[in-house]
Amino acid sequence: MRLVTAPNLEDPRLAHGFFTREGGVSTGIYESLNCGLGSQDTRENALENRRRAAAALGLSADRLITLYQIHSAEAVIVSKPWAPGDGPKADGMATRMRGLALGILAADCTPILFADPEDGVIGACHAGWKGALGGIAEATIDAMIALGAHRARIVAAIGPTIRQPAYEVGNDYQANFTESDPRSAPFFTSGKDDTHAQFDLPGYLNCRLTEAGVTAVADTGLCTYQDPGFFSFRRTTHRREGDYGRNISAIALTP
């Protein structure tokens, strides 16, 4: 199993990882650490893969939770774990519970892990373009603050995600985005022709995190589309494969 860590989350009070697709039991297009219960992989495989991810963080399978992600700006406070597949409809979460891993599933969208180790609060969110524009990162920070975190002490790490060279969008997408948030304009560059542009989603999120008062932001710099070590919805689409696996990223306060 291979997982990526962020330097600003390397703390004995935390366990975290941005997992690659290596080290699981799934086969075929899901090879091998597909943790997405919403995929067409078998439930048994996805649950075993989640168990392995939890074990890599030093936890049992029932201590790794994920949301029913809906590309929203909704963040929830977690006071108890739930069974796989029973998560609330939201895209961000925060907790003070020790030994509970907050897991985010993605296959090009951006996973962000947050922590205020001093105050004992962690958070995690799933940020596609809709969630990023709507404010999912800020909503997750607000949920952490509601639990006692201090804004100035929160650190964040941006995980593997689709990067600007691979994220081609139409000009209508760009226009709608920049009209909704003029801050996003610098994160678009020219595309292959006059009707396309390239969008820097993690750069835009980094900007919003900084403006939200998170002064320590790390970025793994990894691209899910260009690196076959990760699942990618867009790469699967271009290859005309029938489905795709989901990468998992998770953070926990050590017991």
C-alpha atoms as a PDB file:
ATOM      1  CA  MET A   1       0.000   0.000   0.000  1.00  0.00           C
ATOM      2  CA  ARG A   2       1.245   3.482  -0.894  1.00  0.00           C
ATOM      3  CA  LEU A   3      -0.043   6.681   0.607  1.00  0.00           C
ATOM      4  CA  VAL A   4       1.020  10.291   0.371  1.00  0.00           C
ATOM      5  CA  THR A   5       1.378  12.509   3.423  1.00  0.00           C
ATOM      6  CA  ALA A   6       1.569  16.268   3.874  1.00  0.00           C
ATOM      7  CA  PRO A   7       4.403  17.840   5.876  1.00  0.00           C
ATOM      8  CA  ASN A   8       2.122  20.216   7.769  1.00  0.00           C
ATOM      9  CA  LEU A   9       0.035  17.275   9.021  1.00  0.00           C
ATOM     10  CA  GLU A  10       3.007  15.289  10.287  1.00  0.00           C
ATOM     11  CA  ASP A  11       2.171  15.451  13.996  1.00  0.00           C
ATOM     12  CA  PRO A  12       2.053  12.698  16.647  1.00  0.00           C
ATOM     13  CA  ARG A  13      -1.475  13.844  17.488  1.00  0.00           C
ATOM     14  CA  LEU A  14      -2.637  13.061  13.938  1.00  0.00           C
ATOM     15  CA  ALA A  15      -2.816  10.151  11.516  1.00  0.00           C
ATOM     16  CA  HIS A  16      -3.496  10.942   7.879  1.00  0.00           C
ATOM     17  CA  GLY A  17      -2.935   9.862   4.307  1.00  0.00           C
ATOM     18  CA  PHE A  18      -3.882  10.484   0.704  1.00  0.00           C
ATOM     19  CA  PHE A  19      -4.102   6.907  -0.528  1.00  0.00           C
ATOM     20  CA  THR A  20      -3.142   5.791  -4.015  1.00  0.00           C
ATOM     21  CA  ARG A  21      -4.954   2.979  -5.803  1.00  0.00           C
ATOM     22  CA  GLU A  22      -2.335   0.429  -4.680  1.00  0.00           C
ATOM     23  CA  GLY A  23      -2.695  -2.227  -2.024  1.00  0.00           C
ATOM     24  CA  GLY A  24      -6.310  -3.339  -2.364  1.00  0.00           C
ATOM     25  CA  VAL A  25      -8.201  -6.417  -3.506  1.00  0.00           C
ATOM     26  CA  SER A  26     -10.238  -5.062  -6.420  1.00  0.00           C
ATOM     27  CA  THR A  27      -9.491  -6.120  -9.985  1.00  0.00           C
ATOM     28  CA  GLY A  28      -9.963  -4.883 -13.533  1.00  0.00           C
ATOM     29  CA  ILE A  29     -10.729  -1.183 -13.905  1.00  0.00           C
ATOM     30  CA  TYR A  30     -11.009  -0.961 -10.091  1.00  0.00           C
ATOM     31  CA  GLU A  31      -7.508  -2.269  -9.418  1.00  0.00           C
ATOM     32  CA  SER A  32      -6.882  -2.243  -6.586  1.00  0.00           C
ATOM     33  CA  LEU A  33      -7.699   0.031  -3.604  1.00  0.00           C
ATOM     34  CA  ASN A  34     -11.126   1.185  -4.759  1.00  0.00           C
ATOM     35  CA  CYS A  35     -12.929   2.499  -1.684  1.00  0.00           C
ATOM     36  CA  GLY A  36     -16.051   3.737  -3.446  1.00  0.00           C
ATOM     37  CA  LEU A  37     -19.247   1.999  -2.365  1.00  0.00           C
ATOM     38  CA  GLY A  38     -20.984   3.965  -5.120  1.00  0.00           C
ATOM     39  CA  SER A  39     -18.970   2.252  -7.829  1.00  0.00           C
ATOM     40  CA  GLN A  40     -20.036  -0.944  -9.568  1.00  0.00           C
ATOM     41  CA  ASP A  41     -17.243  -2.872  -7.856  1.00  0.00           C
ATOM     42  CA  THR A  42     -18.451  -5.458  -5.365  1.00  0.00           C
ATOM     43  CA  ARG A  43     -19.385  -4.133  -1.941  1.00  0.00           C
ATOM     44  CA  GLU A  44     -17.197  -6.797  -0.360  1.00  0.00           C
ATOM     45  CA  ASN A  45     -14.131  -5.523  -2.226  1.00  0.00           C
ATOM     46  CA  ALA A  46     -14.796  -1.879  -1.375  1.00  0.00           C
ATOM     47  CA  LEU A  47     -15.311  -2.710   2.302  1.00  0.00           C
ATOM     48  CA  GLU A  48     -12.101  -4.738   2.440  1.00  0.00           C
ATOM     49  CA  ASN A  49     -10.219  -1.892   0.790  1.00  0.00           C
ATOM     50  CA  ARG A  50     -11.609   0.558   3.339  1.00  0.00           C
ATOM     51  CA  ARG A  51     -10.570  -1.815   6.113  1.00  0.00           C
ATOM     52  CA  ARG A  52      -7.021  -1.812   4.755  1.00  0.00           C
ATOM     53  CA  ALA A  53      -6.967   1.984   4.547  1.00  0.00           C
ATOM     54  CA  ALA A  54      -8.182   2.242   8.135  1.00  0.00           C
ATOM     55  CA  ALA A  55      -5.557  -0.251   9.278  1.00  0.00           C
ATOM     56  CA  ALA A  56      -2.842   1.851   7.632  1.00  0.00           C
ATOM     57  CA  LEU A  57      -3.952   4.670   9.943  1.00  0.00           C
ATOM     58  CA  GLY A  58      -3.888   2.343  12.944  1.00  0.00           C
ATOM     59  CA  LEU A  59      -7.667   2.043  13.184  1.00  0.00           C
ATOM     60  CA  SER A  60     -10.348  -0.607  12.786  1.00  0.00           C
ATOM     61  CA  ALA A  61     -12.701  -0.522   9.799  1.00  0.00           C
ATOM     62  CA  ASP A  62     -15.634   0.828  11.808  1.00  0.00           C
ATOM     63  CA  ARG A  63     -13.587   3.908  12.695  1.00  0.00           C
ATOM     64  CA  LEU A  64     -13.319   5.155   9.104  1.00  0.00           C
ATOM     65  CA  ILE A  65     -16.366   7.108   7.945  1.00  0.00           C
ATOM     66  CA  THR A  66     -17.293   8.749   4.650  1.00  0.00           C
ATOM     67  CA  LEU A  67     -20.108  11.040   3.542  1.00  0.00           C
ATOM     68  CA  TYR A  68     -22.788  10.727   0.886  1.00  0.00           C
ATOM     69  CA  GLN A  69     -21.056  13.341  -1.252  1.00  0.00           C
ATOM     70  CA  ILE A  70     -23.292  15.593  -3.359  1.00  0.00           C
ATOM     71  CA  HIS A  71     -20.978  18.356  -4.680  1.00  0.00           C
ATOM     72  CA  SER A  72     -22.382  20.820  -2.159  1.00  0.00           C
ATOM     73  CA  ALA A  73     -21.126  23.437   0.294  1.00  0.00           C
ATOM     74  CA  GLU A  74     -22.635  21.519   3.227  1.00  0.00           C
ATOM     75  CA  ALA A  75     -20.382  20.582   6.150  1.00  0.00           C
ATOM     76  CA  VAL A  76     -21.469  18.572   9.185  1.00  0.00           C
ATOM     77  CA  ILE A  77     -20.174  18.083  12.710  1.00  0.00           C
ATOM     78  CA  VAL A  78     -19.479  14.443  13.528  1.00  0.00           C
ATOM     79  CA  SER A  79     -20.326  13.289  17.061  1.00  0.00           C
ATOM     80  CA  LYS A  80     -20.504   9.545  16.401  1.00  0.00           C
ATOM     81  CA  PRO A  81     -19.516   7.144  13.615  1.00  0.00           C
ATOM     82  CA  TRP A  82     -21.961   5.660  11.133  1.00  0.00           C
ATOM     83  CA  ALA A  83     -22.043   2.498   9.062  1.00  0.00           C
ATOM     84  CA  PRO A  84     -20.582   2.426   5.536  1.00  0.00           C
ATOM     85  CA  GLY A  85     -23.053   3.974   3.121  1.00  0.00           C
ATOM     86  CA  ASP A  86     -25.079   5.672   5.877  1.00  0.00           C
ATOM     87  CA  GLY A  87     -23.260   9.003   5.878  1.00  0.00           C
ATOM     88  CA  PRO A  88     -25.201  12.277   5.688  1.00  0.00           C
ATOM     89  CA  LYS A  89     -25.515  14.140   2.396  1.00  0.00           C
ATOM     90  CA  ALA A  90     -22.694  16.649   2.654  1.00  0.00           C
ATOM     91  CA  ASP A  91     -19.175  17.297   1.376  1.00  0.00           C
ATOM     92  CA  GLY A  92     -17.353  18.453   4.482  1.00  0.00           C
ATOM     93  CA  MET A  93     -17.105  17.316   8.087  1.00  0.00           C
ATOM     94  CA  ALA A  94     -15.333  18.103  11.336  1.00  0.00           C
ATOM     95  CA  THR A  95     -14.911  16.302  14.638  1.00  0.00           C
ATOM     96  CA  ARG A  96     -13.256  16.310  18.055  1.00  0.00           C
ATOM     97  CA  MET A  97     -13.579  12.519  18.392  1.00  0.00           C
ATOM     98  CA  ARG A  98     -10.277  10.731  18.812  1.00  0.00           C
ATOM     99  CA  GLY A  99      -9.575   7.573  16.878  1.00  0.00           C
ATOM    100  CA  LEU A 100     -12.146   8.392  14.204  1.00  0.00           C
ATOM    101  CA  ALA A 101     -10.942   8.869  10.624  1.00  0.00           C
ATOM    102  CA  LEU A 102     -12.772  11.331   8.399  1.00  0.00           C
ATOM    103  CA  GLY A 103     -12.588   9.903   4.866  1.00  0.00           C
ATOM    104  CA  ILE A 104     -13.065  11.711   1.571  1.00  0.00           C
ATOM    105  CA  LEU A 105     -13.656   9.894  -1.732  1.00  0.00           C
ATOM    106  CA  ALA A 106     -12.573  11.473  -5.012  1.00  0.00           C
ATOM    107  CA  ALA A 107     -11.553  10.649  -8.563  1.00  0.00           C
ATOM    108  CA  ASP A 108     -10.395  14.068  -9.855  1.00  0.00           C
ATOM    109  CA  CYS A 109     -12.171  16.363  -7.388  1.00  0.00           C
ATOM    110  CA  THR A 110      -9.979  17.822  -4.651  1.00  0.00           C
ATOM    111  CA  PRO A 111      -9.717  16.245  -1.195  1.00  0.00           C
ATOM    112  CA  ILE A 112      -8.648  18.666   1.542  1.00  0.00           C
ATOM    113  CA  LEU A 113      -7.612  17.564   5.030  1.00  0.00           C
ATOM    114  CA  PHE A 114      -7.606  20.048   7.925  1.00  0.00           C
ATOM    115  CA  ALA A 115      -6.294  20.022  11.471  1.00  0.00           C
ATOM    116  CA  ASP A 116      -5.899  22.162  14.560  1.00  0.00           C
ATOM    117  CA  PRO A 117      -3.920  19.661  16.635  1.00  0.00           C
ATOM    118  CA  GLU A 118      -3.510  22.032  19.583  1.00  0.00           C
ATOM    119  CA  ASP A 119      -7.254  22.361  20.068  1.00  0.00           C
ATOM    120  CA  GLY A 120      -7.953  18.760  19.038  1.00  0.00           C
ATOM    121  CA  VAL A 121     -10.159  19.382  16.003  1.00  0.00           C
ATOM    122  CA  ILE A 122      -9.887  17.948  12.494  1.00  0.00           C
ATOM    123  CA  GLY A 123     -11.813  18.358   9.262  1.00  0.00           C
ATOM    124  CA  ALA A 124     -12.002  17.016   5.737  1.00  0.00           C
ATOM    125  CA  CYS A 125     -13.823  18.021   2.580  1.00  0.00           C
ATOM    126  CA  HIS A 126     -14.508  17.010  -1.010  1.00  0.00           C
ATOM    127  CA  ALA A 127     -14.194  19.967  -3.388  1.00  0.00           C
ATOM    128  CA  GLY A 128     -15.239  19.651  -6.987  1.00  0.00           C
ATOM    129  CA  TRP A 129     -15.765  22.868  -8.891  1.00  0.00           C
ATOM    130  CA  LYS A 130     -19.329  23.266  -7.569  1.00  0.00           C
ATOM    131  CA  GLY A 131     -18.288  22.803  -3.973  1.00  0.00           C
ATOM    132  CA  ALA A 132     -15.226  24.997  -4.384  1.00  0.00           C
ATOM    133  CA  LEU A 133     -17.291  27.811  -5.846  1.00  0.00           C
ATOM    134  CA  GLY A 134     -20.032  27.364  -3.252  1.00  0.00           C
ATOM    135  CA  GLY A 135     -17.605  27.509  -0.324  1.00  0.00           C
ATOM    136  CA  ILE A 136     -17.148  23.950   0.944  1.00  0.00           C
ATOM    137  CA  ALA A 137     -13.642  24.705   2.227  1.00  0.00           C
ATOM    138  CA  GLU A 138     -14.900  27.668   4.238  1.00  0.00           C
ATOM    139  CA  ALA A 139     -17.893  25.684   5.519  1.00  0.00           C
ATOM    140  CA  THR A 140     -15.557  22.984   6.816  1.00  0.00           C
ATOM    141  CA  ILE A 141     -13.419  25.586   8.561  1.00  0.00           C
ATOM    142  CA  ASP A 142     -16.554  27.063  10.149  1.00  0.00           C
ATOM    143  CA  ALA A 143     -17.567  23.611  11.408  1.00  0.00           C
ATOM    144  CA  MET A 144     -14.132  23.191  12.977  1.00  0.00           C
ATOM    145  CA  ILE A 145     -14.359  26.584  14.658  1.00  0.00           C
ATOM    146  CA  ALA A 146     -17.771  25.651  16.047  1.00  0.00           C
ATOM    147  CA  LEU A 147     -16.010  22.737  17.766  1.00  0.00           C
ATOM    148  CA  GLY A 148     -13.366  24.971  19.342  1.00  0.00           C
ATOM    149  CA  ALA A 149     -10.679  25.231  16.674  1.00  0.00           C
ATOM    150  CA  HIS A 150      -8.900  28.555  16.264  1.00  0.00           C
ATOM    151  CA  ARG A 151      -8.742  29.847  12.700  1.00  0.00           C
ATOM    152  CA  ALA A 152      -5.112  30.944  13.009  1.00  0.00           C
ATOM    153  CA  ARG A 153      -4.060  27.457  14.125  1.00  0.00           C
ATOM    154  CA  ILE A 154      -5.824  25.483  11.366  1.00  0.00           C
ATOM    155  CA  VAL A 155      -3.557  23.906   8.765  1.00  0.00           C
ATOM    156  CA  ALA A 156      -4.764  22.346   5.511  1.00  0.00           C
ATOM    157  CA  ALA A 157      -3.419  19.956   2.899  1.00  0.00           C
ATOM    158  CA  ILE A 158      -4.625  19.701  -0.696  1.00  0.00           C
ATOM    159  CA  GLY A 159      -4.475  16.156  -1.984  1.00  0.00           C
ATOM    160  CA  PRO A 160      -4.127  14.511  -5.387  1.00  0.00           C
ATOM    161  CA  THR A 161      -6.595  16.058  -7.825  1.00  0.00           C
ATOM    162  CA  ILE A 162      -6.931  16.924 -11.479  1.00  0.00           C
ATOM    163  CA  ARG A 163      -4.430  19.667 -12.337  1.00  0.00           C
ATOM    164  CA  GLN A 164      -4.617  22.569 -14.763  1.00  0.00           C
ATOM    165  CA  PRO A 165      -2.834  20.912 -17.719  1.00  0.00           C
ATOM    166  CA  ALA A 166      -5.446  18.123 -17.694  1.00  0.00           C
ATOM    167  CA  TYR A 167      -8.513  20.131 -16.671  1.00  0.00           C
ATOM    168  CA  GLU A 168      -9.943  21.456 -19.919  1.00  0.00           C
ATOM    169  CA  VAL A 169     -13.227  23.369 -19.729  1.00  0.00           C
ATOM    170  CA  GLY A 170     -15.412  25.302 -22.147  1.00  0.00           C
ATOM    171  CA  ASN A 171     -15.509  29.078 -22.351  1.00  0.00           C
ATOM    172  CA  ASP A 172     -19.085  29.061 -21.044  1.00  0.00           C
ATOM    173  CA  TYR A 173     -17.847  27.270 -17.913  1.00  0.00           C
ATOM    174  CA  GLN A 174     -15.110  29.865 -17.502  1.00  0.00           C
ATOM    175  CA  ALA A 175     -17.509  32.772 -17.983  1.00  0.00           C
ATOM    176  CA  ASN A 176     -20.034  31.411 -15.491  1.00  0.00           C
ATOM    177  CA  PHE A 177     -17.291  30.766 -12.961  1.00  0.00           C
ATOM    178  CA  THR A 178     -15.608  34.147 -13.205  1.00  0.00           C
ATOM    179  CA  GLU A 179     -18.961  35.963 -13.121  1.00  0.00           C
ATOM    180  CA  SER A 180     -19.845  34.136  -9.916  1.00  0.00           C
ATOM    181  CA  ASP A 181     -16.435  34.752  -8.362  1.00  0.00           C
ATOM    182  CA  PRO A 182     -14.080  37.272 -10.024  1.00  0.00           C
ATOM    183  CA  ARG A 183     -11.254  35.937  -7.828  1.00  0.00           C
ATOM    184  CA  SER A 184     -11.193  32.843 -10.022  1.00  0.00           C
ATOM    185  CA  ALA A 185     -10.102  34.663 -13.207  1.00  0.00           C
ATOM    186  CA  PRO A 186      -6.310  34.232 -12.682  1.00  0.00           C
ATOM    187  CA  PHE A 187      -6.794  30.474 -12.397  1.00  0.00           C
ATOM    188  CA  PHE A 188      -7.904  30.078 -16.022  1.00  0.00           C
ATOM    189  CA  THR A 189      -5.426  29.980 -18.903  1.00  0.00           C
ATOM    190  CA  SER A 190      -5.874  29.565 -22.648  1.00  0.00           C
ATOM    191  CA  GLY A 191      -6.878  26.169 -23.933  1.00  0.00           C
ATOM    192  CA  LYS A 192      -6.268  24.314 -27.165  1.00  0.00           C
ATOM    193  CA  ASP A 193      -8.432  26.771 -29.115  1.00  0.00           C
ATOM    194  CA  ASP A 194     -10.615  29.835 -28.654  1.00  0.00           C
ATOM    195  CA  THR A 195     -13.474  27.809 -27.194  1.00  0.00           C
ATOM    196  CA  HIS A 196     -11.563  26.131 -24.376  1.00  0.00           C
ATOM    197  CA  ALA A 197      -9.621  27.039 -21.241  1.00  0.00           C
ATOM    198  CA  GLN A 198      -7.577  25.210 -18.599  1.00  0.00           C
ATOM    199  CA  PHE A 199      -8.678  25.586 -14.967  1.00  0.00           C
ATOM    200  CA  ASP A 200      -6.430  25.396 -11.897  1.00  0.00           C
ATOM    201  CA  LEU A 201      -8.879  23.999  -9.339  1.00  0.00           C
ATOM    202  CA  PRO A 202      -6.351  23.369  -6.526  1.00  0.00           C
ATOM    203  CA  GLY A 203      -4.812  26.811  -7.071  1.00  0.00           C
ATOM    204  CA  TYR A 204      -8.228  28.392  -6.736  1.00  0.00           C
ATOM    205  CA  LEU A 205      -8.914  26.404  -3.561  1.00  0.00           C
ATOM    206  CA  ASN A 206      -5.544  27.401  -2.142  1.00  0.00           C
ATOM    207  CA  CYS A 207      -6.488  31.041  -2.719  1.00  0.00           C
ATOM    208  CA  ARG A 208      -9.805  30.617  -0.936  1.00  0.00           C
ATOM    209  CA  LEU A 209      -8.183  28.798   1.985  1.00  0.00           C
ATOM    210  CA  THR A 210      -5.673  31.599   2.395  1.00  0.00           C
ATOM    211  CA  GLU A 211      -8.399  34.239   2.259  1.00  0.00           C
ATOM    212  CA  ALA A 212     -10.305  32.237   4.887  1.00  0.00           C
ATOM    213  CA  GLY A 213      -7.360  32.672   7.256  1.00  0.00           C
ATOM    214  CA  VAL A 214      -5.559  29.336   6.817  1.00  0.00           C
ATOM    215  CA  THR A 215      -1.944  30.456   6.625  1.00  0.00           C
ATOM    216  CA  ALA A 216      -0.353  26.999   6.402  1.00  0.00           C
ATOM    217  CA  VAL A 217      -1.545  25.219   3.253  1.00  0.00           C
ATOM    218  CA  ALA A 218       0.382  22.299   1.762  1.00  0.00           C
ATOM    219  CA  ASP A 219      -0.277  20.880  -1.695  1.00  0.00           C
ATOM    220  CA  THR A 220       0.779  17.397  -2.749  1.00  0.00           C
ATOM    221  CA  GLY A 221       1.047  18.626  -6.352  1.00  0.00           C
ATOM    222  CA  LEU A 222      -0.129  15.270  -7.714  1.00  0.00           C
ATOM    223  CA  CYS A 223      -2.490  14.958 -10.686  1.00  0.00           C
ATOM    224  CA  THR A 224      -5.043  12.161 -10.653  1.00  0.00           C
ATOM    225  CA  TYR A 225      -5.497  12.328 -14.421  1.00  0.00           C
ATOM    226  CA  GLN A 226      -1.820  12.198 -15.383  1.00  0.00           C
ATOM    227  CA  ASP A 227      -0.702   9.739 -12.692  1.00  0.00           C
ATOM    228  CA  PRO A 228      -2.089   6.211 -13.276  1.00  0.00           C
ATOM    229  CA  GLY A 229      -1.447   5.518  -9.611  1.00  0.00           C
ATOM    230  CA  PHE A 230      -4.765   7.259  -8.903  1.00  0.00           C
ATOM    231  CA  PHE A 231      -8.320   6.784 -10.095  1.00  0.00           C
ATOM    232  CA  SER A 232      -9.559   9.487 -12.467  1.00  0.00           C
ATOM    233  CA  PHE A 233     -13.085  10.069 -13.705  1.00  0.00           C
ATOM    234  CA  ARG A 234     -11.897  12.108 -16.687  1.00  0.00           C
ATOM    235  CA  ARG A 235      -9.272   9.563 -17.725  1.00  0.00           C
ATOM    236  CA  THR A 236     -11.885   6.814 -17.490  1.00  0.00           C
ATOM    237  CA  THR A 237     -14.238   8.902 -19.645  1.00  0.00           C
ATOM    238  CA  HIS A 238     -11.573   9.465 -22.287  1.00  0.00           C
ATOM    239  CA  ARG A 239     -10.821   5.736 -22.351  1.00  0.00           C
ATOM    240  CA  ARG A 240     -14.548   4.946 -22.553  1.00  0.00           C
ATOM    241  CA  GLU A 241     -14.365   2.576 -19.620  1.00  0.00           C
ATOM    242  CA  GLY A 242     -17.642   1.614 -18.003  1.00  0.00           C
ATOM    243  CA  ASP A 243     -16.940   2.886 -14.494  1.00  0.00           C
ATOM    244  CA  TYR A 244     -14.166   4.127 -12.234  1.00  0.00           C
ATOM    245  CA  GLY A 245     -12.801   3.602  -8.745  1.00  0.00           C
ATOM    246  CA  ARG A 246     -12.511   6.184  -5.990  1.00  0.00           C
ATOM    247  CA  ASN A 247      -9.394   7.293  -4.153  1.00  0.00           C
ATOM    248  CA  ILE A 248      -9.695   7.768  -0.410  1.00  0.00           C
ATOM    249  CA  SER A 249      -8.040  10.414   1.748  1.00  0.00           C
ATOM    250  CA  ALA A 250      -8.441  10.430   5.520  1.00  0.00           C
ATOM    251  CA  ILE A 251      -7.386  12.121   8.739  1.00  0.00           C
ATOM    252  CA  ALA A 252      -7.825  11.156  12.383  1.00  0.00           C
ATOM    253  CA  LEU A 253      -6.897  12.400  15.834  1.00  0.00           C
ATOM    254  CA  THR A 254      -4.772   9.661  17.334  1.00  0.00           C
ATOM    255  CA  PRO A 255      -6.457   7.817  20.230  1.00  0.00           C
END
